[in-house]
Amino acid sequence: MPRSKASENYEEYVRKIETLTPEEQLSLLEILSAAIKKSLRAKRVKHSVLELEGLGAEIWKMVDAQECVLKERNSWD
């Protein structure tokens, strides 16, 4: 089965990396790590705490808020 061009390029890169000094390999690793982190940050979806507004509201519909607060405060003693 013939190898793809991408596979050949990858193997060539690996061979070239093996010829680098350990210091150069570490430097390359830092560069790659920074690039991957940047890419992941760009893909991360930002959320707002305001998206949680109303979540679970149905649980509290039949609860008297004042009674709940008093019960909680009494539990502190």
Protein backbone atom coordinates (compact mmCIF):
# COMPACT_ATOMS: atom_id res chain seq x y z
CA MET A 1 0.00 0.00 0.00
CA PRO A 2 1.55 3.35 -0.99
CA ARG A 3 2.21 5.91 1.74
CA SER A 4 0.48 9.25 1.67
CA LYS A 5 2.45 12.45 1.17
CA ALA A 6 1.46 13.58 4.68
CA SER A 7 2.81 10.35 6.15
CA GLU A 8 6.10 10.78 4.28
CA ASN A 9 6.38 14.39 5.49
CA TYR A 10 5.69 13.32 9.06
CA GLU A 11 8.36 10.63 8.98
CA GLU A 12 10.82 13.12 7.47
CA TYR A 13 10.09 15.58 10.29
CA VAL A 14 10.65 12.87 12.89
CA ARG A 15 14.01 11.96 11.34
CA LYS A 16 15.06 15.61 11.34
CA ILE A 17 13.95 16.11 14.96
CA GLU A 18 16.13 13.17 15.98
CA THR A 19 19.16 15.03 14.59
CA LEU A 20 18.55 18.04 16.84
CA THR A 21 20.41 18.48 20.09
CA PRO A 22 18.42 17.86 23.27
CA GLU A 23 18.31 21.64 23.85
CA GLU A 24 16.92 22.20 20.36
CA GLN A 25 14.38 19.44 20.87
CA LEU A 26 13.23 21.07 24.13
CA SER A 27 12.95 24.42 22.38
CA LEU A 28 10.87 22.83 19.63
CA LEU A 29 8.69 21.17 22.25
CA GLU A 30 8.06 24.53 23.92
CA ILE A 31 7.14 26.09 20.58
CA LEU A 32 4.74 23.24 19.76
CA SER A 33 3.22 23.33 23.24
CA ALA A 34 2.55 27.07 22.99
CA ALA A 35 1.01 26.67 19.53
CA ILE A 36 -1.28 23.84 20.69
CA LYS A 37 -2.36 25.79 23.79
CA LYS A 38 -3.16 28.82 21.64
CA SER A 39 -5.18 26.67 19.26
CA LEU A 40 -7.14 25.10 22.13
CA ARG A 41 -7.87 28.50 23.69
CA ALA A 42 -9.20 29.75 20.37
CA LYS A 43 -11.62 26.81 20.19
CA ARG A 44 -12.83 27.18 23.77
CA VAL A 45 -16.33 28.60 24.05
CA LYS A 46 -16.68 31.40 26.58
CA HIS A 47 -19.68 31.19 28.89
CA SER A 48 -21.29 33.68 31.18
CA VAL A 49 -22.67 32.99 34.63
CA LEU A 50 -25.82 34.72 33.38
CA GLU A 51 -26.53 31.64 31.24
CA LEU A 52 -27.49 29.88 34.48
CA GLU A 53 -30.28 32.37 35.19
CA GLY A 54 -33.54 30.55 35.84
CA LEU A 55 -31.91 27.12 35.94
CA GLY A 56 -33.76 24.96 38.45
CA ALA A 57 -36.48 27.56 38.97
CA GLU A 58 -39.16 24.87 38.95
CA ILE A 59 -37.65 23.37 42.12
CA TRP A 60 -38.26 26.59 44.07
CA LYS A 61 -41.78 27.42 42.81
CA MET A 62 -43.58 25.97 45.84
CA VAL A 63 -40.97 27.05 48.41
CA ASP A 64 -41.47 30.08 50.65
CA ALA A 65 -38.16 31.95 50.41
CA GLN A 66 -38.45 33.59 53.82
CA GLU A 67 -39.24 30.27 55.51
CA CYS A 68 -36.27 28.67 53.76
CA VAL A 69 -33.91 31.46 54.93
CA LEU A 70 -35.16 31.24 58.53
CA LYS A 71 -34.76 27.46 58.54
CA GLU A 72 -31.19 27.78 57.24
CA ARG A 73 -30.29 30.46 59.80
CA ASN A 74 -31.71 28.36 62.63
CA SER A 75 -29.55 25.44 61.51
CA TRP A 76 -26.41 27.50 62.18
CA ASP A 77 -26.93 27.47 65.96
